[in-house]
Amino acid sequence: KDPVGFRLIIDSFTQRYIEKANQFDIIIGIESRGFIIGGALSYTLGLGFVPIRKKGKLPAEKISHEYALEYGTDTIEIHKDAIGKGTRVLLIDDLLATGGTALASAALIEKLGGTVTEMAFIVSLRRWAGIKS
């Protein structure tokens, strides 16, 4: 809703990664706000974009990963042909809380033979809570 805030976020990430965009082959965004940030960043960096989605939302052949939440379990999925062996990934989402979804996403990427080169988030709750990551 805030165009200035959105521009500041995308510009900030672009500045962070523009000089090292060649270290990544693709950007992967975690459902769903990671799609918004990752898609815009893919455009500014000239990289492709791949989504990681909640179970049952992707149309083609996929692999899944179940992971623990504070209150149960959840499952995320990625298309089997989304990345190839050795693909270097910049993994994007809006929020890092417990890290469960980000770690599950990294596990999916690794199942396909990719490597998470870096993860980026707008907000880290650990940082806001005064906990050092």
N, C-alpha and C. Protein backbone atom coordinates (compact mmCIF):
# COMPACT_ATOMS: atom_id res chain seq x y z
N LYS A 1 0.82 -1.19 0.00
CA LYS A 1 0.00 0.00 0.00
C LYS A 1 0.87 1.26 0.00
N ASP A 2 2.08 1.15 0.49
CA ASP A 2 2.97 2.31 0.62
C ASP A 2 4.00 2.30 -0.51
N PRO A 3 3.79 3.09 -1.57
CA PRO A 3 4.70 3.05 -2.71
C PRO A 3 6.12 3.51 -2.36
N VAL A 4 6.24 4.46 -1.47
CA VAL A 4 7.58 4.94 -1.08
C VAL A 4 8.31 3.85 -0.30
N GLY A 5 7.62 3.22 0.63
CA GLY A 5 8.22 2.13 1.40
C GLY A 5 8.64 0.97 0.51
N PHE A 6 7.77 0.61 -0.44
CA PHE A 6 8.09 -0.49 -1.36
C PHE A 6 9.33 -0.14 -2.19
N ARG A 7 9.35 1.08 -2.71
CA ARG A 7 10.51 1.51 -3.51
C ARG A 7 11.79 1.48 -2.68
N LEU A 8 11.71 1.94 -1.42
CA LEU A 8 12.89 1.93 -0.55
C LEU A 8 13.40 0.51 -0.31
N ILE A 9 12.49 -0.42 -0.12
CA ILE A 9 12.88 -1.82 0.11
C ILE A 9 13.57 -2.38 -1.13
N ILE A 10 12.92 -2.23 -2.29
CA ILE A 10 13.49 -2.80 -3.52
C ILE A 10 14.80 -2.10 -3.87
N ASP A 11 14.86 -0.79 -3.71
CA ASP A 11 16.11 -0.06 -3.98
C ASP A 11 17.22 -0.51 -3.04
N SER A 12 16.87 -0.73 -1.78
CA SER A 12 17.87 -1.16 -0.79
C SER A 12 18.43 -2.53 -1.14
N PHE A 13 17.54 -3.48 -1.46
CA PHE A 13 18.00 -4.82 -1.86
C PHE A 13 18.80 -4.75 -3.16
N THR A 14 18.35 -3.93 -4.09
CA THR A 14 19.07 -3.81 -5.36
C THR A 14 20.48 -3.29 -5.12
N GLN A 15 20.61 -2.25 -4.30
CA GLN A 15 21.94 -1.72 -3.98
C GLN A 15 22.82 -2.77 -3.32
N ARG A 16 22.22 -3.57 -2.45
CA ARG A 16 22.98 -4.61 -1.76
C ARG A 16 23.53 -5.66 -2.73
N TYR A 17 22.71 -6.02 -3.74
CA TYR A 17 23.06 -7.15 -4.60
C TYR A 17 23.51 -6.81 -6.01
N ILE A 18 23.43 -5.57 -6.44
CA ILE A 18 23.75 -5.23 -7.83
C ILE A 18 25.19 -5.59 -8.20
N GLU A 19 26.12 -5.37 -7.30
CA GLU A 19 27.53 -5.65 -7.59
C GLU A 19 27.86 -7.14 -7.53
N LYS A 20 27.02 -7.92 -6.86
CA LYS A 20 27.29 -9.36 -6.78
C LYS A 20 26.17 -10.20 -7.37
N ALA A 21 25.38 -9.61 -8.27
CA ALA A 21 24.30 -10.35 -8.92
C ALA A 21 24.83 -11.55 -9.69
N ASN A 22 26.08 -11.47 -10.14
CA ASN A 22 26.67 -12.60 -10.88
C ASN A 22 26.97 -13.80 -9.98
N GLN A 23 26.79 -13.65 -8.68
CA GLN A 23 26.99 -14.77 -7.75
C GLN A 23 25.73 -15.63 -7.64
N PHE A 24 24.64 -15.18 -8.27
CA PHE A 24 23.37 -15.91 -8.21
C PHE A 24 22.90 -16.25 -9.62
N ASP A 25 22.25 -17.39 -9.74
CA ASP A 25 21.65 -17.78 -11.01
C ASP A 25 20.16 -17.46 -11.04
N ILE A 26 19.55 -17.43 -9.85
CA ILE A 26 18.10 -17.25 -9.77
C ILE A 26 17.72 -16.72 -8.40
N ILE A 27 16.57 -16.07 -8.34
CA ILE A 27 16.00 -15.65 -7.07
C ILE A 27 14.79 -16.54 -6.79
N ILE A 28 14.71 -17.05 -5.59
CA ILE A 28 13.55 -17.85 -5.18
C ILE A 28 12.87 -17.12 -4.04
N GLY A 29 11.55 -16.91 -4.19
CA GLY A 29 10.75 -16.23 -3.18
C GLY A 29 9.82 -17.20 -2.48
N ILE A 30 9.71 -17.03 -1.17
CA ILE A 30 8.86 -17.88 -0.35
C ILE A 30 7.46 -17.27 -0.28
N GLU A 31 6.45 -18.12 -0.41
CA GLU A 31 5.05 -17.66 -0.38
C GLU A 31 4.76 -16.87 0.88
N SER A 32 4.06 -15.81 0.75
CA SER A 32 3.64 -15.17 -0.49
C SER A 32 4.29 -13.80 -0.66
N ARG A 33 4.64 -13.17 0.42
CA ARG A 33 5.26 -11.84 0.27
C ARG A 33 6.65 -11.93 -0.35
N GLY A 34 7.29 -13.07 -0.25
CA GLY A 34 8.57 -13.27 -0.92
C GLY A 34 8.43 -13.19 -2.43
N PHE A 35 7.19 -13.45 -2.95
CA PHE A 35 6.95 -13.33 -4.39
C PHE A 35 7.04 -11.86 -4.81
N ILE A 36 6.47 -10.99 -4.00
CA ILE A 36 6.43 -9.57 -4.34
C ILE A 36 7.84 -8.99 -4.35
N ILE A 37 8.56 -9.24 -3.29
CA ILE A 37 9.93 -8.72 -3.17
C ILE A 37 10.84 -9.39 -4.19
N GLY A 38 10.77 -10.71 -4.26
CA GLY A 38 11.63 -11.47 -5.16
C GLY A 38 11.38 -11.15 -6.62
N GLY A 39 10.11 -10.97 -6.99
CA GLY A 39 9.79 -10.64 -8.38
C GLY A 39 10.36 -9.29 -8.78
N ALA A 40 10.18 -8.30 -7.92
CA ALA A 40 10.71 -6.97 -8.22
C ALA A 40 12.24 -6.99 -8.25
N LEU A 41 12.85 -7.70 -7.32
CA LEU A 41 14.31 -7.78 -7.28
C LEU A 41 14.86 -8.55 -8.48
N SER A 42 14.14 -9.57 -8.91
CA SER A 42 14.55 -10.30 -10.12
C SER A 42 14.62 -9.35 -11.31
N TYR A 43 13.65 -8.46 -11.41
CA TYR A 43 13.62 -7.48 -12.48
C TYR A 43 14.82 -6.53 -12.39
N THR A 44 15.06 -5.98 -11.20
CA THR A 44 16.14 -4.98 -11.09
C THR A 44 17.52 -5.60 -11.27
N LEU A 45 17.67 -6.88 -10.92
CA LEU A 45 18.98 -7.54 -11.03
C LEU A 45 19.14 -8.33 -12.33
N GLY A 46 18.06 -8.46 -13.10
CA GLY A 46 18.14 -9.21 -14.35
C GLY A 46 18.26 -10.70 -14.16
N LEU A 47 17.65 -11.22 -13.10
CA LEU A 47 17.68 -12.65 -12.81
C LEU A 47 16.28 -13.24 -12.92
N GLY A 48 16.20 -14.55 -13.12
CA GLY A 48 14.91 -15.21 -13.14
C GLY A 48 14.34 -15.36 -11.74
N PHE A 49 13.06 -15.74 -11.68
CA PHE A 49 12.37 -15.89 -10.41
C PHE A 49 11.63 -17.22 -10.36
N VAL A 50 11.68 -17.87 -9.20
CA VAL A 50 10.99 -19.13 -8.95
C VAL A 50 10.27 -19.01 -7.61
N PRO A 51 9.00 -19.46 -7.55
CA PRO A 51 8.29 -19.44 -6.26
C PRO A 51 8.41 -20.76 -5.50
N ILE A 52 8.42 -20.66 -4.18
CA ILE A 52 8.20 -21.81 -3.31
C ILE A 52 6.83 -21.57 -2.70
N ARG A 53 5.94 -22.57 -2.83
CA ARG A 53 4.55 -22.38 -2.44
C ARG A 53 4.12 -23.39 -1.39
N LYS A 54 3.00 -23.07 -0.75
CA LYS A 54 2.39 -24.00 0.17
C LYS A 54 1.83 -25.18 -0.61
N LYS A 55 1.66 -26.29 0.06
CA LYS A 55 1.23 -27.54 -0.55
C LYS A 55 -0.07 -27.37 -1.36
N GLY A 56 -0.04 -27.96 -2.57
CA GLY A 56 -1.22 -28.02 -3.40
C GLY A 56 -1.48 -26.84 -4.31
N LYS A 57 -0.57 -25.88 -4.38
CA LYS A 57 -0.81 -24.68 -5.18
C LYS A 57 -0.04 -24.64 -6.49
N LEU A 58 0.95 -25.49 -6.66
CA LEU A 58 1.73 -25.49 -7.90
C LEU A 58 1.12 -26.48 -8.89
N PRO A 59 1.05 -26.10 -10.17
CA PRO A 59 0.35 -26.94 -11.15
C PRO A 59 1.15 -28.11 -11.73
N ALA A 60 2.45 -27.99 -11.83
CA ALA A 60 3.24 -29.03 -12.50
C ALA A 60 3.84 -30.01 -11.48
N GLU A 61 4.67 -30.91 -11.98
CA GLU A 61 5.31 -31.90 -11.11
C GLU A 61 6.20 -31.19 -10.10
N LYS A 62 6.11 -31.61 -8.85
CA LYS A 62 6.80 -30.89 -7.78
C LYS A 62 7.39 -31.84 -6.75
N ILE A 63 8.25 -31.29 -5.90
CA ILE A 63 8.73 -32.00 -4.73
C ILE A 63 8.29 -31.19 -3.52
N SER A 64 8.20 -31.86 -2.38
CA SER A 64 7.71 -31.18 -1.18
C SER A 64 8.64 -31.44 0.00
N HIS A 65 8.45 -30.62 1.01
CA HIS A 65 9.21 -30.76 2.25
C HIS A 65 8.29 -30.38 3.41
N GLU A 66 8.13 -31.31 4.33
CA GLU A 66 7.33 -31.04 5.53
C GLU A 66 8.27 -30.58 6.64
N TYR A 67 7.81 -29.60 7.41
CA TYR A 67 8.65 -29.07 8.47
C TYR A 67 7.80 -28.71 9.68
N ALA A 68 8.46 -28.61 10.82
CA ALA A 68 7.78 -28.34 12.08
C ALA A 68 7.54 -26.86 12.27
N LEU A 69 6.38 -26.55 12.81
CA LEU A 69 6.03 -25.20 13.23
C LEU A 69 5.89 -25.22 14.75
N GLU A 70 5.74 -24.06 15.33
CA GLU A 70 5.52 -23.99 16.78
C GLU A 70 4.24 -24.71 17.17
N TYR A 71 3.28 -24.76 16.25
CA TYR A 71 1.95 -25.28 16.54
C TYR A 71 1.56 -26.48 15.70
N GLY A 72 2.50 -27.13 15.03
CA GLY A 72 2.18 -28.29 14.19
C GLY A 72 3.20 -28.45 13.09
N THR A 73 2.72 -28.78 11.90
CA THR A 73 3.60 -28.94 10.74
C THR A 73 2.99 -28.22 9.54
N ASP A 74 3.83 -28.00 8.55
CA ASP A 74 3.38 -27.43 7.28
C ASP A 74 4.22 -28.06 6.18
N THR A 75 3.79 -27.88 4.95
CA THR A 75 4.49 -28.43 3.81
C THR A 75 4.62 -27.37 2.74
N ILE A 76 5.80 -27.27 2.16
CA ILE A 76 6.03 -26.36 1.04
C ILE A 76 6.49 -27.17 -0.16
N GLU A 77 6.34 -26.57 -1.36
CA GLU A 77 6.67 -27.28 -2.59
C GLU A 77 7.35 -26.36 -3.59
N ILE A 78 8.07 -27.01 -4.52
CA ILE A 78 8.72 -26.32 -5.63
C ILE A 78 8.61 -27.23 -6.84
N HIS A 79 8.52 -26.66 -8.02
CA HIS A 79 8.49 -27.47 -9.24
C HIS A 79 9.80 -28.23 -9.38
N LYS A 80 9.70 -29.48 -9.82
CA LYS A 80 10.89 -30.32 -9.99
C LYS A 80 11.88 -29.74 -10.99
N ASP A 81 11.37 -29.03 -11.98
CA ASP A 81 12.25 -28.48 -13.01
C ASP A 81 12.60 -27.02 -12.77
N ALA A 82 12.35 -26.51 -11.56
CA ALA A 82 12.57 -25.10 -11.26
C ALA A 82 14.04 -24.70 -11.34
N ILE A 83 14.89 -25.56 -10.85
CA ILE A 83 16.33 -25.29 -10.87
C ILE A 83 17.08 -26.57 -11.17
N GLY A 84 18.30 -26.43 -11.61
CA GLY A 84 19.14 -27.58 -11.90
C GLY A 84 20.25 -27.72 -10.89
N LYS A 85 20.97 -28.81 -11.03
CA LYS A 85 22.10 -29.07 -10.15
C LYS A 85 23.12 -27.93 -10.27
N GLY A 86 23.57 -27.44 -9.11
CA GLY A 86 24.57 -26.38 -9.08
C GLY A 86 24.01 -24.97 -9.18
N THR A 87 22.69 -24.82 -9.28
CA THR A 87 22.09 -23.49 -9.37
C THR A 87 22.32 -22.72 -8.08
N ARG A 88 22.82 -21.51 -8.22
CA ARG A 88 23.10 -20.64 -7.06
C ARG A 88 21.90 -19.74 -6.81
N VAL A 89 21.36 -19.82 -5.59
CA VAL A 89 20.08 -19.19 -5.27
C VAL A 89 20.22 -18.07 -4.25
N LEU A 90 19.51 -16.97 -4.53
CA LEU A 90 19.26 -15.93 -3.54
C LEU A 90 17.83 -16.16 -3.07
N LEU A 91 17.65 -16.57 -1.82
CA LEU A 91 16.35 -16.89 -1.24
C LEU A 91 15.80 -15.67 -0.53
N ILE A 92 14.56 -15.28 -0.88
CA ILE A 92 13.97 -14.02 -0.40
C ILE A 92 12.65 -14.26 0.31
N ASP A 93 12.45 -13.58 1.41
CA ASP A 93 11.14 -13.51 2.07
C ASP A 93 11.05 -12.19 2.82
N ASP A 94 9.87 -11.90 3.32
CA ASP A 94 9.68 -10.62 4.01
C ASP A 94 10.13 -10.67 5.46
N LEU A 95 9.95 -11.82 6.11
CA LEU A 95 10.11 -11.90 7.55
C LEU A 95 10.85 -13.16 7.97
N LEU A 96 11.82 -13.01 8.84
CA LEU A 96 12.49 -14.14 9.46
C LEU A 96 12.06 -14.17 10.93
N ALA A 97 11.30 -15.20 11.27
CA ALA A 97 10.84 -15.33 12.67
C ALA A 97 11.64 -16.45 13.32
N THR A 98 11.15 -17.67 13.22
CA THR A 98 11.88 -18.80 13.81
C THR A 98 12.89 -19.39 12.83
N GLY A 99 12.71 -19.11 11.55
CA GLY A 99 13.61 -19.64 10.52
C GLY A 99 13.15 -20.96 9.94
N GLY A 100 12.05 -21.50 10.43
CA GLY A 100 11.57 -22.81 9.97
C GLY A 100 11.25 -22.86 8.49
N THR A 101 10.53 -21.88 8.00
CA THR A 101 10.15 -21.87 6.58
C THR A 101 11.37 -21.63 5.70
N ALA A 102 12.26 -20.77 6.13
CA ALA A 102 13.47 -20.51 5.35
C ALA A 102 14.35 -21.75 5.28
N LEU A 103 14.50 -22.45 6.40
CA LEU A 103 15.31 -23.68 6.40
C LEU A 103 14.66 -24.77 5.56
N ALA A 104 13.33 -24.87 5.62
CA ALA A 104 12.62 -25.86 4.80
C ALA A 104 12.79 -25.52 3.32
N SER A 105 12.74 -24.25 2.98
CA SER A 105 12.95 -23.81 1.60
C SER A 105 14.36 -24.16 1.13
N ALA A 106 15.33 -23.94 1.99
CA ALA A 106 16.72 -24.30 1.66
C ALA A 106 16.84 -25.80 1.43
N ALA A 107 16.14 -26.59 2.24
CA ALA A 107 16.17 -28.05 2.07
C ALA A 107 15.58 -28.45 0.71
N LEU A 108 14.50 -27.80 0.30
CA LEU A 108 13.91 -28.08 -1.03
C LEU A 108 14.90 -27.76 -2.14
N ILE A 109 15.54 -26.61 -2.03
CA ILE A 109 16.51 -26.19 -3.04
C ILE A 109 17.65 -27.20 -3.11
N GLU A 110 18.13 -27.66 -1.97
CA GLU A 110 19.21 -28.63 -1.93
C GLU A 110 18.77 -29.99 -2.48
N LYS A 111 17.50 -30.37 -2.28
CA LYS A 111 16.99 -31.63 -2.84
C LYS A 111 17.08 -31.62 -4.37
N LEU A 112 16.95 -30.44 -4.96
CA LEU A 112 17.05 -30.32 -6.42
C LEU A 112 18.48 -30.11 -6.88
N GLY A 113 19.43 -30.07 -5.95
CA GLY A 113 20.83 -29.91 -6.31
C GLY A 113 21.32 -28.48 -6.33
N GLY A 114 20.45 -27.56 -5.91
CA GLY A 114 20.84 -26.15 -5.87
C GLY A 114 21.56 -25.80 -4.58
N THR A 115 22.12 -24.61 -4.55
CA THR A 115 22.82 -24.09 -3.38
C THR A 115 22.26 -22.74 -3.00
N VAL A 116 21.88 -22.59 -1.75
CA VAL A 116 21.44 -21.28 -1.27
C VAL A 116 22.69 -20.47 -0.98
N THR A 117 22.98 -19.52 -1.84
CA THR A 117 24.17 -18.68 -1.69
C THR A 117 23.95 -17.64 -0.60
N GLU A 118 22.71 -17.13 -0.54
CA GLU A 118 22.39 -16.15 0.49
C GLU A 118 20.88 -16.11 0.69
N MET A 119 20.47 -15.72 1.90
CA MET A 119 19.06 -15.48 2.22
C MET A 119 18.93 -14.02 2.61
N ALA A 120 17.79 -13.41 2.22
CA ALA A 120 17.55 -12.00 2.56
C ALA A 120 16.11 -11.82 3.03
N PHE A 121 15.94 -10.98 4.04
CA PHE A 121 14.64 -10.70 4.63
C PHE A 121 14.54 -9.21 4.92
N ILE A 122 13.32 -8.69 4.91
CA ILE A 122 13.13 -7.28 5.27
C ILE A 122 13.28 -7.11 6.77
N VAL A 123 12.65 -8.03 7.52
CA VAL A 123 12.63 -7.93 8.98
C VAL A 123 13.09 -9.24 9.59
N SER A 124 13.93 -9.15 10.60
CA SER A 124 14.31 -10.30 11.41
C SER A 124 13.77 -10.07 12.82
N LEU A 125 12.81 -10.90 13.24
CA LEU A 125 12.23 -10.72 14.57
C LEU A 125 13.28 -10.90 15.67
N ARG A 126 14.27 -11.73 15.42
CA ARG A 126 15.34 -11.91 16.40
C ARG A 126 16.05 -10.59 16.64
N ARG A 127 16.31 -9.86 15.57
CA ARG A 127 16.99 -8.58 15.70
C ARG A 127 16.12 -7.60 16.47
N TRP A 128 14.83 -7.56 16.16
CA TRP A 128 13.92 -6.64 16.82
C TRP A 128 13.77 -6.99 18.30
N ALA A 129 13.89 -8.27 18.62
CA ALA A 129 13.76 -8.69 20.01
C ALA A 129 15.08 -8.52 20.78
N GLY A 130 16.12 -8.06 20.09
CA GLY A 130 17.40 -7.86 20.75
C GLY A 130 18.25 -9.12 20.81
N ILE A 131 17.84 -10.17 20.09
CA ILE A 131 18.61 -11.41 20.08
C ILE A 131 19.59 -11.35 18.93
N LYS A 132 20.83 -11.64 19.18
CA LYS A 132 21.83 -11.61 18.11
C LYS A 132 21.75 -12.89 17.30
N SER A 133 21.69 -12.74 15.96
CA SER A 133 21.61 -13.90 15.07
C SER A 133 22.98 -14.48 14.85
